[in-house]
Protein backbone atom coordinates (compact mmCIF):
# COMPACT_ATOMS: atom_id res chain seq x y z
CA UNK A 1 38.94 0.58 -29.73
CA UNK A 2 35.56 1.42 -28.35
CA UNK A 3 31.86 0.97 -29.04
CA UNK A 4 30.45 -2.49 -29.81
CA UNK A 5 33.75 -4.18 -30.50
CA UNK A 6 34.85 -6.64 -27.85
CA UNK A 7 38.44 -5.93 -26.81
CA UNK A 8 38.95 -8.75 -24.34
CA UNK A 9 40.95 -11.69 -25.64
CA UNK A 10 41.83 -15.11 -24.33
CA UNK A 11 45.32 -15.15 -22.71
CA UNK A 12 46.59 -17.57 -25.36
CA UNK A 13 45.51 -15.14 -28.07
CA UNK A 14 47.35 -12.32 -26.29
CA UNK A 15 50.53 -14.43 -26.17
CA UNK A 16 50.17 -15.25 -29.87
CA UNK A 17 49.74 -11.57 -30.70
CA UNK A 18 52.85 -10.72 -28.67
CA UNK A 19 54.86 -13.33 -30.58
CA UNK A 20 53.62 -11.97 -33.89
CA UNK A 21 54.50 -8.45 -32.77
CA UNK A 22 58.08 -9.49 -32.03
CA UNK A 23 58.38 -11.19 -35.41
CA UNK A 24 56.93 -8.16 -37.18
CA UNK A 25 59.36 -5.88 -35.39
CA UNK A 26 62.33 -7.85 -36.65
CA UNK A 27 60.93 -8.03 -40.17
CA UNK A 28 59.87 -4.42 -40.56
CA UNK A 29 62.61 -2.45 -38.81
CA UNK A 30 65.78 -4.24 -39.89
CA UNK A 31 68.49 -2.58 -41.96
CA UNK A 32 67.09 -0.17 -44.51
CA UNK A 33 67.33 -1.18 -48.14
CA UNK A 34 69.97 0.85 -49.99
CA UNK A 35 67.50 2.12 -52.56
CA UNK A 36 65.23 3.63 -49.92
CA UNK A 37 67.79 4.57 -47.30
CA UNK A 38 67.26 7.25 -44.67
CA UNK A 39 67.13 10.85 -45.80
CA UNK A 40 69.19 13.61 -44.17
CA UNK A 41 66.06 14.51 -42.21
CA UNK A 42 65.78 10.94 -40.90
CA UNK A 43 69.41 10.89 -39.82
CA UNK A 44 69.16 14.28 -38.12
CA UNK A 45 66.04 13.25 -36.20
CA UNK A 46 67.13 9.65 -35.53
CA UNK A 47 64.00 8.32 -37.23
CA UNK A 48 63.63 4.60 -37.96
CA UNK A 49 62.79 3.76 -41.58
CA UNK A 50 61.32 0.35 -42.48
CA UNK A 51 62.77 -1.49 -45.45
CA UNK A 52 59.25 -1.23 -46.94
CA UNK A 53 56.16 0.70 -45.78
CA UNK A 54 54.08 -1.22 -43.24
CA UNK A 55 50.28 -1.25 -43.48
CA UNK A 56 48.93 0.40 -40.33
CA UNK A 57 46.25 -1.60 -38.56
CA UNK A 58 42.94 0.24 -38.48
CA UNK A 59 41.23 1.01 -35.18
CA UNK A 60 38.17 2.68 -33.75
CA UNK A 61 38.86 4.94 -30.77
CA UNK A 62 37.11 7.65 -28.80
CA UNK A 63 38.29 11.22 -28.68
CA UNK A 64 38.55 12.97 -25.32
CA UNK A 65 35.37 14.88 -26.25
CA UNK A 66 33.47 11.60 -26.72
CA UNK A 67 33.40 11.46 -30.52
CA UNK A 68 34.30 8.16 -32.23
CA UNK A 69 37.39 8.19 -34.41
CA UNK A 70 38.55 5.70 -37.05
CA UNK A 71 42.12 5.74 -38.31
CA UNK A 72 41.16 4.73 -41.86
CA UNK A 73 39.05 7.89 -42.16
CA UNK A 74 42.34 9.80 -42.38
CA UNK A 75 43.43 8.17 -45.66
CA UNK A 76 44.71 10.79 -48.06
CA UNK A 77 46.56 12.63 -45.30
CA UNK A 78 49.96 12.22 -43.72
CA UNK A 79 49.25 11.11 -40.15
CA UNK A 80 51.46 11.84 -37.15
CA UNK A 81 50.40 9.26 -34.53
CA UNK A 82 51.91 9.67 -31.06
CA UNK A 83 51.46 7.36 -28.04
CA UNK A 84 51.77 9.09 -24.66
CA UNK A 85 50.67 9.27 -21.00
CA UNK A 86 50.46 12.04 -18.42
CA UNK A 87 53.01 10.29 -16.15
CA UNK A 88 55.60 10.13 -18.96
CA UNK A 89 58.05 13.02 -18.52
CA UNK A 90 59.59 12.75 -22.03
CA UNK A 91 56.04 12.77 -23.46
CA UNK A 92 55.26 16.02 -21.70
CA UNK A 93 58.57 17.47 -22.84
CA UNK A 94 57.81 16.94 -26.54
CA UNK A 95 54.13 17.96 -26.52
CA UNK A 96 54.75 21.73 -26.91
CA UNK A 97 56.91 21.04 -29.98
CA UNK A 98 54.17 18.78 -31.34
CA UNK A 99 51.69 21.62 -30.87
CA UNK A 100 53.93 24.05 -32.74
CA UNK A 101 54.37 21.54 -35.57
CA UNK A 102 50.62 20.93 -35.80
CA UNK A 103 49.91 24.65 -36.05
CA UNK A 104 52.61 25.05 -38.69
CA UNK A 105 51.03 22.25 -40.77
CA UNK A 106 47.53 23.73 -40.53
CA UNK A 107 45.66 23.76 -43.84
CA UNK A 108 47.77 20.95 -45.33
CA UNK A 109 46.92 17.28 -45.91
CA UNK A 110 48.18 16.42 -42.44
CA UNK A 111 46.64 15.13 -39.22
CA UNK A 112 48.18 14.78 -35.77
CA UNK A 113 46.69 12.42 -33.19
CA UNK A 114 47.91 11.55 -29.70
CA UNK A 115 46.74 8.22 -28.26
CA UNK A 116 46.79 8.20 -24.47
CA UNK A 117 47.85 4.93 -22.91
CA UNK A 118 45.93 3.40 -20.01
CA UNK A 119 44.46 6.48 -18.36
CA UNK A 120 40.91 7.59 -17.63
CA UNK A 121 39.09 10.61 -19.01
CA UNK A 122 39.24 12.18 -15.53
CA UNK A 123 43.02 11.81 -15.36
CA UNK A 124 43.50 13.33 -18.80
CA UNK A 125 41.06 16.18 -18.19
CA UNK A 126 42.88 17.06 -14.97
CA UNK A 127 46.14 17.18 -16.93
CA UNK A 128 44.52 19.46 -19.54
CA UNK A 129 43.23 22.05 -17.05
CA UNK A 130 46.09 24.46 -17.77
CA UNK A 131 46.91 23.28 -21.30
CA UNK A 132 45.45 23.59 -24.77
CA UNK A 133 46.29 21.41 -27.75
CA UNK A 134 45.03 21.78 -31.30
CA UNK A 135 45.55 18.11 -32.19
CA UNK A 136 43.15 15.28 -31.36
CA UNK A 137 43.59 13.33 -28.12
CA UNK A 138 42.35 9.73 -28.30
CA UNK A 139 41.64 7.28 -25.48
CA UNK A 140 43.15 3.80 -25.16
CA UNK A 141 42.23 3.04 -21.55
CA UNK A 142 42.74 -0.72 -21.80
CA UNK A 143 45.83 -0.47 -24.00
CA UNK A 144 44.33 -2.46 -26.88
CA UNK A 145 45.44 -0.03 -29.58
CA UNK A 146 48.90 0.27 -28.05
CA UNK A 147 49.17 -3.53 -27.94
CA UNK A 148 48.38 -3.76 -31.65
CA UNK A 149 51.16 -1.26 -32.33
CA UNK A 150 53.69 -2.93 -30.03
CA UNK A 151 53.85 -0.02 -27.60
CA UNK A 152 56.05 -0.82 -24.60
CA UNK A 153 57.97 2.46 -24.43
CA UNK A 154 56.69 6.03 -24.33
CA UNK A 155 56.65 8.29 -26.12
CA UNK A 156 56.38 6.43 -29.41
CA UNK A 157 55.52 8.09 -32.70
CA UNK A 158 54.60 6.68 -36.09
CA UNK A 159 54.31 8.69 -39.30
CA UNK A 160 51.88 7.30 -41.88
CA UNK A 161 51.83 8.19 -45.56
CA UNK A 162 48.57 9.17 -47.34
CA UNK A 163 47.96 5.50 -48.17
CA UNK A 164 47.80 4.61 -44.48
CA UNK A 165 51.23 2.96 -44.31
CA UNK A 166 53.85 3.44 -41.62
CA UNK A 167 56.94 5.03 -43.14
CA UNK A 168 58.75 6.41 -40.07
CA UNK A 169 59.02 5.63 -36.36
CA UNK A 170 60.53 7.48 -33.41
CA UNK A 171 61.09 5.90 -30.02
CA UNK A 172 61.53 8.59 -27.40
CA UNK A 173 60.98 12.35 -27.44
CA UNK A 174 61.94 14.62 -30.34
CA UNK A 175 61.93 18.34 -31.06
CA UNK A 176 59.16 17.93 -33.60
CA UNK A 177 58.99 21.55 -34.78
CA UNK A 178 62.41 21.46 -36.43
CA UNK A 179 62.57 22.48 -40.13
CA UNK A 180 63.71 18.95 -41.07
CA UNK A 181 60.41 17.54 -39.78
CA UNK A 182 58.36 19.99 -41.83
CA UNK A 183 60.43 19.16 -44.92
CA UNK A 184 59.86 15.43 -44.41
CA UNK A 185 56.11 15.79 -43.87
CA UNK A 186 55.70 18.08 -46.87
CA UNK A 187 57.67 15.62 -49.02
CA UNK A 188 55.35 12.79 -47.93
CA UNK A 189 52.31 14.92 -48.72
CA UNK A 190 53.63 15.72 -52.20
CA UNK A 191 54.69 12.17 -53.02
CA UNK A 192 51.63 10.46 -51.56
CA UNK A 193 53.73 7.32 -51.05
CA UNK A 194 52.66 6.12 -54.50
CA UNK A 195 56.01 4.67 -55.60
CA UNK A 196 56.67 2.46 -52.58
CA UNK A 197 55.55 -1.13 -52.14
CA UNK A 198 53.80 -2.27 -48.99
CA UNK A 199 54.58 -5.12 -46.63
CA UNK A 200 51.68 -7.39 -45.74
CA UNK A 201 52.85 -7.33 -42.13
CA UNK A 202 50.47 -5.39 -39.90
CA UNK A 203 51.75 -2.55 -37.77
CA UNK A 204 52.39 -4.44 -34.54
CA UNK A 205 55.98 -3.31 -34.90
CA UNK A 206 57.13 -1.04 -32.11
CA UNK A 207 59.21 -1.71 -29.05
CA UNK A 208 62.94 -1.82 -28.60
CA UNK A 209 65.11 0.50 -26.62
CA UNK A 210 64.40 4.12 -25.88
CA UNK A 211 61.56 6.00 -24.26
CA UNK A 212 60.09 5.28 -20.86
CA UNK A 213 58.71 1.89 -19.89
CA UNK A 214 55.06 1.87 -18.94
CA UNK A 215 53.85 1.27 -15.37
CA UNK A 216 53.15 -2.28 -14.34
CA UNK A 217 49.51 -3.31 -14.82
């Protein structure tokens, strides 16, 4: 989050948020209800499916080009939200596949965003010197957005339905341009998530095994 919002919190508040995140993780990502079990695409891609959709916590961030960006402005689209860093080798491995997926989904009700964790604009721009991505790169220099989403492993990806609810999660890198991914995203676009109920738990739900642990801060 950027702009006028104050991101610094008292240590006791941070501990409370961490405890709530752990509780939310257990509540949201336990065994999938039989009626809404994983699809063949989910099984093939090893995607986590919550027992019910989880309302994604809104945030205000800054794009690498300096423009402000609010998650809730993307309502009505399926959102692919990836957390990454330039030091994360699995992150770098999956980014070309993400780019191919984003180009394949062009013109559809779909948006891909990649939220960098804990790095400066200068670090990211140096990384981008010989690269070009069509999706939006967002800054989270102090890790506040990542903390709200329980990010302690990278890469971490959430997929949100058009109602702004988390419906899938992937811890670790994936080959995101596989046909099964396109089928899943197009299904979510068509369905709009209208039939599912929503947990009141906010989206401080990630964590667990997989991915690469972040550097000590």
